[in-house]
């Protein structure tokens, strides 16, 4: 099972986000359909199965114009 969270709140697949999982390739993807500054923050991917659970968090931010 794959879950994505933003700032500890679970993200649902829908209009704003698309969640893709490819367990056979050990891949999970979170697609932000229209990114802007409001999407900045910590994103966590949680993966679990009968053998256990793991997670990884990244901080997503935008760079200002130069």
PDB file of N, CA and C in Angstrom:
ATOM      1  N   UNK A   1       0.844  -1.166   0.000  1.00  0.00           N
ATOM      2  CA  UNK A   1       0.000   0.000   0.000  1.00  0.00           C
ATOM      3  C   UNK A   1       0.895   1.237   0.000  1.00  0.00           C
ATOM      4  N   UNK A   2       0.554   2.210  -0.812  1.00  0.00           N
ATOM      5  CA  UNK A   2       1.285   3.468  -0.910  1.00  0.00           C
ATOM      6  C   UNK A   2       0.372   4.604  -0.469  1.00  0.00           C
ATOM      7  N   UNK A   3       0.875   5.469   0.405  1.00  0.00           N
ATOM      8  CA  UNK A   3       0.160   6.676   0.814  1.00  0.00           C
ATOM      9  C   UNK A   3       1.096   7.858   0.663  1.00  0.00           C
ATOM     10  N   UNK A   4       0.544   8.973   0.216  1.00  0.00           N
ATOM     11  CA  UNK A   4       1.279  10.226   0.162  1.00  0.00           C
ATOM     12  C   UNK A   4       0.647  11.193   1.147  1.00  0.00           C
ATOM     13  N   UNK A   5       1.503  11.973   1.829  1.00  0.00           N
ATOM     14  CA  UNK A   5       1.016  12.979   2.761  1.00  0.00           C
ATOM     15  C   UNK A   5       1.739  14.290   2.499  1.00  0.00           C
ATOM     16  N   UNK A   6       1.033  15.370   2.706  1.00  0.00           N
ATOM     17  CA  UNK A   6       1.636  16.707   2.629  1.00  0.00           C
ATOM     18  C   UNK A   6       1.468  17.344   3.994  1.00  0.00           C
ATOM     19  N   UNK A   7       2.583  17.688   4.610  1.00  0.00           N
ATOM     20  CA  UNK A   7       2.561  18.245   5.968  1.00  0.00           C
ATOM     21  C   UNK A   7       1.681  17.395   6.883  1.00  0.00           C
ATOM     22  N   UNK A   8       1.839  16.083   6.795  1.00  0.00           N
ATOM     23  CA  UNK A   8       1.195  15.059   7.632  1.00  0.00           C
ATOM     24  C   UNK A   8      -0.295  14.829   7.335  1.00  0.00           C
ATOM     25  N   UNK A   9      -0.821  15.442   6.271  1.00  0.00           N
ATOM     26  CA  UNK A   9      -2.220  15.241   5.869  1.00  0.00           C
ATOM     27  C   UNK A   9      -2.227  14.386   4.608  1.00  0.00           C
ATOM     28  N   UNK A  10      -3.012  13.296   4.625  1.00  0.00           N
ATOM     29  CA  UNK A  10      -3.020  12.376   3.483  1.00  0.00           C
ATOM     30  C   UNK A  10      -3.540  13.058   2.224  1.00  0.00           C
ATOM     31  N   UNK A  11      -2.867  12.793   1.117  1.00  0.00           N
ATOM     32  CA  UNK A  11      -3.237  13.322  -0.191  1.00  0.00           C
ATOM     33  C   UNK A  11      -4.069  12.263  -0.909  1.00  0.00           C
ATOM     34  N   UNK A  12      -5.150  12.682  -1.512  1.00  0.00           N
ATOM     35  CA  UNK A  12      -6.004  11.780  -2.279  1.00  0.00           C
ATOM     36  C   UNK A  12      -5.807  12.017  -3.778  1.00  0.00           C
ATOM     37  N   UNK A  13      -5.892  10.951  -4.539  1.00  0.00           N
ATOM     38  CA  UNK A  13      -5.842  11.035  -5.997  1.00  0.00           C
ATOM     39  C   UNK A  13      -7.073  11.802  -6.463  1.00  0.00           C
ATOM     40  N   UNK A  14      -6.873  12.794  -7.316  1.00  0.00           N
ATOM     41  CA  UNK A  14      -8.013  13.591  -7.762  1.00  0.00           C
ATOM     42  C   UNK A  14      -7.612  14.657  -8.753  1.00  0.00           C
ATOM     43  N   UNK A  15      -8.293  15.787  -8.678  1.00  0.00           N
ATOM     44  CA  UNK A  15      -8.092  16.875  -9.631  1.00  0.00           C
ATOM     45  C   UNK A  15      -6.728  17.524  -9.450  1.00  0.00           C
ATOM     46  N   UNK A  16      -6.316  17.754  -8.202  1.00  0.00           N
ATOM     47  CA  UNK A  16      -5.070  18.472  -7.928  1.00  0.00           C
ATOM     48  C   UNK A  16      -3.830  17.575  -7.982  1.00  0.00           C
ATOM     49  N   UNK A  17      -3.989  16.312  -7.531  1.00  0.00           N
ATOM     50  CA  UNK A  17      -2.867  15.375  -7.474  1.00  0.00           C
ATOM     51  C   UNK A  17      -3.214  14.077  -8.191  1.00  0.00           C
ATOM     52  N   UNK A  18      -2.197  13.445  -8.736  1.00  0.00           N
ATOM     53  CA  UNK A  18      -2.333  12.103  -9.316  1.00  0.00           C
ATOM     54  C   UNK A  18      -1.302  11.219  -8.631  1.00  0.00           C
ATOM     55  N   UNK A  19      -1.745  10.061  -8.147  1.00  0.00           N
ATOM     56  CA  UNK A  19      -0.873   9.132  -7.443  1.00  0.00           C
ATOM     57  C   UNK A  19      -0.705   7.887  -8.292  1.00  0.00           C
ATOM     58  N   UNK A  20       0.551   7.545  -8.562  1.00  0.00           N
ATOM     59  CA  UNK A  20       0.869   6.375  -9.368  1.00  0.00           C
ATOM     60  C   UNK A  20       1.763   5.450  -8.559  1.00  0.00           C
ATOM     61  N   UNK A  21       1.522   4.156  -8.647  1.00  0.00           N
ATOM     62  CA  UNK A  21       2.369   3.169  -7.967  1.00  0.00           C
ATOM     63  C   UNK A  21       2.706   2.051  -8.947  1.00  0.00           C
ATOM     64  N   UNK A  22       3.980   1.685  -8.963  1.00  0.00           N
ATOM     65  CA  UNK A  22       4.472   0.594  -9.800  1.00  0.00           C
ATOM     66  C   UNK A  22       5.299  -0.329  -8.909  1.00  0.00           C
ATOM     67  N   UNK A  23       4.629  -1.175  -8.111  1.00  0.00           N
ATOM     68  CA  UNK A  23       5.344  -2.007  -7.138  1.00  0.00           C
ATOM     69  C   UNK A  23       6.388  -2.929  -7.763  1.00  0.00           C
ATOM     70  N   UNK A  24       6.144  -3.427  -8.935  1.00  0.00           N
ATOM     71  CA  UNK A  24       7.099  -4.346  -9.554  1.00  0.00           C
ATOM     72  C   UNK A  24       8.424  -3.648  -9.891  1.00  0.00           C
ATOM     73  N   UNK A  25       8.389  -2.326 -10.085  1.00  0.00           N
ATOM     74  CA  UNK A  25       9.606  -1.559 -10.353  1.00  0.00           C
ATOM     75  C   UNK A  25      10.072  -0.791  -9.115  1.00  0.00           C
ATOM     76  N   UNK A  26       9.423  -1.040  -7.965  1.00  0.00           N
ATOM     77  CA  UNK A  26       9.734  -0.316  -6.725  1.00  0.00           C
ATOM     78  C   UNK A  26       9.634   1.190  -6.912  1.00  0.00           C
ATOM     79  N   UNK A  27       8.561   1.637  -7.579  1.00  0.00           N
ATOM     80  CA  UNK A  27       8.386   3.055  -7.851  1.00  0.00           C
ATOM     81  C   UNK A  27       7.023   3.536  -7.380  1.00  0.00           C
ATOM     82  N   UNK A  28       7.013   4.764  -6.890  1.00  0.00           N
ATOM     83  CA  UNK A  28       5.766   5.449  -6.548  1.00  0.00           C
ATOM     84  C   UNK A  28       5.943   6.901  -6.975  1.00  0.00           C
ATOM     85  N   UNK A  29       4.909   7.493  -7.516  1.00  0.00           N
ATOM     86  CA  UNK A  29       5.010   8.874  -8.000  1.00  0.00           C
ATOM     87  C   UNK A  29       3.811   9.689  -7.537  1.00  0.00           C
ATOM     88  N   UNK A  30       4.087  10.926  -7.182  1.00  0.00           N
ATOM     89  CA  UNK A  30       3.056  11.900  -6.886  1.00  0.00           C
ATOM     90  C   UNK A  30       3.174  12.994  -7.941  1.00  0.00           C
ATOM     91  N   UNK A  31       2.118  13.201  -8.682  1.00  0.00           N
ATOM     92  CA  UNK A  31       2.118  14.214  -9.736  1.00  0.00           C
ATOM     93  C   UNK A  31       1.251  15.374  -9.276  1.00  0.00           C
ATOM     94  N   UNK A  32       1.845  16.565  -9.243  1.00  0.00           N
ATOM     95  CA  UNK A  32       1.101  17.779  -8.916  1.00  0.00           C
ATOM     96  C   UNK A  32       0.696  18.389 -10.249  1.00  0.00           C
ATOM     97  N   UNK A  33      -0.591  18.424 -10.503  1.00  0.00           N
ATOM     98  CA  UNK A  33      -1.087  18.792 -11.837  1.00  0.00           C
ATOM     99  C   UNK A  33      -0.802  20.252 -12.212  1.00  0.00           C
ATOM    100  N   UNK A  34      -0.862  21.170 -11.266  1.00  0.00           N
ATOM    101  CA  UNK A  34      -0.613  22.578 -11.566  1.00  0.00           C
ATOM    102  C   UNK A  34       0.105  23.183 -10.365  1.00  0.00           C
ATOM    103  N   UNK A  35       1.449  23.142 -10.390  1.00  0.00           N
ATOM    104  CA  UNK A  35       2.255  23.549  -9.240  1.00  0.00           C
ATOM    105  C   UNK A  35       2.330  25.060  -9.103  1.00  0.00           C
ATOM    106  N   UNK A  36       2.171  25.545  -7.864  1.00  0.00           N
ATOM    107  CA  UNK A  36       2.423  26.942  -7.542  1.00  0.00           C
ATOM    108  C   UNK A  36       2.975  27.004  -6.116  1.00  0.00           C
ATOM    109  N   UNK A  37       3.224  28.199  -5.607  1.00  0.00           N
ATOM    110  CA  UNK A  37       3.830  28.356  -4.284  1.00  0.00           C
ATOM    111  C   UNK A  37       3.002  27.727  -3.167  1.00  0.00           C
ATOM    112  N   UNK A  38       1.701  27.601  -3.352  1.00  0.00           N
ATOM    113  CA  UNK A  38       0.843  26.990  -2.334  1.00  0.00           C
ATOM    114  C   UNK A  38       1.151  25.510  -2.132  1.00  0.00           C
ATOM    115  N   UNK A  39       1.866  24.887  -3.055  1.00  0.00           N
ATOM    116  CA  UNK A  39       2.196  23.466  -2.953  1.00  0.00           C
ATOM    117  C   UNK A  39       3.517  23.214  -2.234  1.00  0.00           C
ATOM    118  N   UNK A  40       4.206  24.265  -1.827  1.00  0.00           N
ATOM    119  CA  UNK A  40       5.464  24.081  -1.110  1.00  0.00           C
ATOM    120  C   UNK A  40       5.206  23.402   0.229  1.00  0.00           C
ATOM    121  N   UNK A  41       6.166  22.597   0.667  1.00  0.00           N
ATOM    122  CA  UNK A  41       6.029  21.957   1.968  1.00  0.00           C
ATOM    123  C   UNK A  41       6.674  20.589   1.983  1.00  0.00           C
ATOM    124  N   UNK A  42       6.449  19.862   3.063  1.00  0.00           N
ATOM    125  CA  UNK A  42       6.989  18.520   3.220  1.00  0.00           C
ATOM    126  C   UNK A  42       6.021  17.492   2.653  1.00  0.00           C
ATOM    127  N   UNK A  43       6.544  16.616   1.800  1.00  0.00           N
ATOM    128  CA  UNK A  43       5.775  15.529   1.202  1.00  0.00           C
ATOM    129  C   UNK A  43       6.386  14.207   1.654  1.00  0.00           C
ATOM    130  N   UNK A  44       5.528  13.304   2.142  1.00  0.00           N
ATOM    131  CA  UNK A  44       5.984  12.015   2.637  1.00  0.00           C
ATOM    132  C   UNK A  44       5.311  10.897   1.860  1.00  0.00           C
ATOM    133  N   UNK A  45       6.126   9.954   1.416  1.00  0.00           N
ATOM    134  CA  UNK A  45       5.616   8.742   0.780  1.00  0.00           C
ATOM    135  C   UNK A  45       5.750   7.624   1.805  1.00  0.00           C
ATOM    136  N   UNK A  46       4.630   6.958   2.115  1.00  0.00           N
ATOM    137  CA  UNK A  46       4.627   5.830   3.039  1.00  0.00           C
ATOM    138  C   UNK A  46       4.276   4.564   2.264  1.00  0.00           C
ATOM    139  N   UNK A  47       5.111   3.567   2.404  1.00  0.00           N
ATOM    140  CA  UNK A  47       4.871   2.283   1.742  1.00  0.00           C
ATOM    141  C   UNK A  47       4.805   1.200   2.814  1.00  0.00           C
ATOM    142  N   UNK A  48       3.820   0.316   2.690  1.00  0.00           N
ATOM    143  CA  UNK A  48       3.693  -0.768   3.663  1.00  0.00           C
ATOM    144  C   UNK A  48       3.197  -2.032   2.969  1.00  0.00           C
ATOM    145  N   UNK A  49       3.588  -3.158   3.550  1.00  0.00           N
ATOM    146  CA  UNK A  49       3.101  -4.466   3.102  1.00  0.00           C
ATOM    147  C   UNK A  49       3.155  -5.421   4.293  1.00  0.00           C
ATOM    148  N   UNK A  50       2.983  -6.693   4.040  1.00  0.00           N
ATOM    149  CA  UNK A  50       2.957  -7.679   5.119  1.00  0.00           C
ATOM    150  C   UNK A  50       4.290  -7.760   5.863  1.00  0.00           C
ATOM    151  N   UNK A  51       5.366  -7.283   5.272  1.00  0.00           N
ATOM    152  CA  UNK A  51       6.689  -7.385   5.878  1.00  0.00           C
ATOM    153  C   UNK A  51       7.102  -6.151   6.671  1.00  0.00           C
ATOM    154  N   UNK A  52       6.357  -5.060   6.521  1.00  0.00           N
ATOM    155  CA  UNK A  52       6.707  -3.872   7.281  1.00  0.00           C
ATOM    156  C   UNK A  52       6.281  -2.582   6.612  1.00  0.00           C
ATOM    157  N   UNK A  53       6.850  -1.493   7.105  1.00  0.00           N
ATOM    158  CA  UNK A  53       6.468  -0.158   6.654  1.00  0.00           C
ATOM    159  C   UNK A  53       7.720   0.714   6.584  1.00  0.00           C
ATOM    160  N   UNK A  54       7.754   1.603   5.601  1.00  0.00           N
ATOM    161  CA  UNK A  54       8.842   2.567   5.485  1.00  0.00           C
ATOM    162  C   UNK A  54       8.284   3.875   4.948  1.00  0.00           C
ATOM    163  N   UNK A  55       9.019   4.941   5.145  1.00  0.00           N
ATOM    164  CA  UNK A  55       8.581   6.239   4.621  1.00  0.00           C
ATOM    165  C   UNK A  55       9.796   7.096   4.292  1.00  0.00           C
ATOM    166  N   UNK A  56       9.559   8.058   3.427  1.00  0.00           N
ATOM    167  CA  UNK A  56      10.599   9.018   3.046  1.00  0.00           C
ATOM    168  C   UNK A  56       9.934  10.377   2.879  1.00  0.00           C
ATOM    169  N   UNK A  57      10.544  11.410   3.432  1.00  0.00           N
ATOM    170  CA  UNK A  57      10.004  12.771   3.351  1.00  0.00           C
ATOM    171  C   UNK A  57      10.966  13.661   2.582  1.00  0.00           C
ATOM    172  N   UNK A  58      10.412  14.493   1.715  1.00  0.00           N
ATOM    173  CA  UNK A  58      11.189  15.497   0.989  1.00  0.00           C
ATOM    174  C   UNK A  58      10.511  16.844   1.156  1.00  0.00           C
ATOM    175  N   UNK A  59      11.308  17.905   1.041  1.00  0.00           N
ATOM    176  CA  UNK A  59      10.768  19.249   1.098  1.00  0.00           C
ATOM    177  C   UNK A  59      10.749  19.810  -0.311  1.00  0.00           C
ATOM    178  N   UNK A  60       9.582  20.219  -0.750  1.00  0.00           N
ATOM    179  CA  UNK A  60       9.402  20.758  -2.092  1.00  0.00           C
ATOM    180  C   UNK A  60       9.261  22.276  -1.994  1.00  0.00           C
ATOM    181  N   UNK A  61      10.056  22.998  -2.789  1.00  0.00           N
ATOM    182  CA  UNK A  61       9.994  24.451  -2.768  1.00  0.00           C
ATOM    183  C   UNK A  61      10.279  24.995  -4.154  1.00  0.00           C
ATOM    184  N   UNK A  62       9.922  26.252  -4.365  1.00  0.00           N
ATOM    185  CA  UNK A  62      10.189  26.910  -5.642  1.00  0.00           C
ATOM    186  C   UNK A  62      11.356  27.870  -5.470  1.00  0.00           C
ATOM    187  N   UNK A  63      12.060  28.095  -6.540  1.00  0.00           N
ATOM    188  CA  UNK A  63      13.137  29.083  -6.539  1.00  0.00           C
ATOM    189  C   UNK A  63      12.604  30.380  -7.122  1.00  0.00           C
ATOM    190  N   UNK A  64      12.990  31.497  -6.543  1.00  0.00           N
ATOM    191  CA  UNK A  64      12.554  32.788  -7.042  1.00  0.00           C
ATOM    192  C   UNK A  64      13.149  33.097  -8.400  1.00  0.00           C
ATOM    193  N   UNK A  65      12.546  34.033  -9.094  1.00  0.00           N
ATOM    194  CA  UNK A  65      13.040  34.469 -10.392  1.00  0.00           C
ATOM    195  C   UNK A  65      14.317  35.266 -10.191  1.00  0.00           C
ATOM    196  N   UNK A  66      15.260  35.116 -11.109  1.00  0.00           N
ATOM    197  CA  UNK A  66      16.524  35.834 -11.042  1.00  0.00           C
ATOM    198  C   UNK A  66      16.515  37.000 -11.994  1.00  0.00           C
TER     199      UNK A  66
END
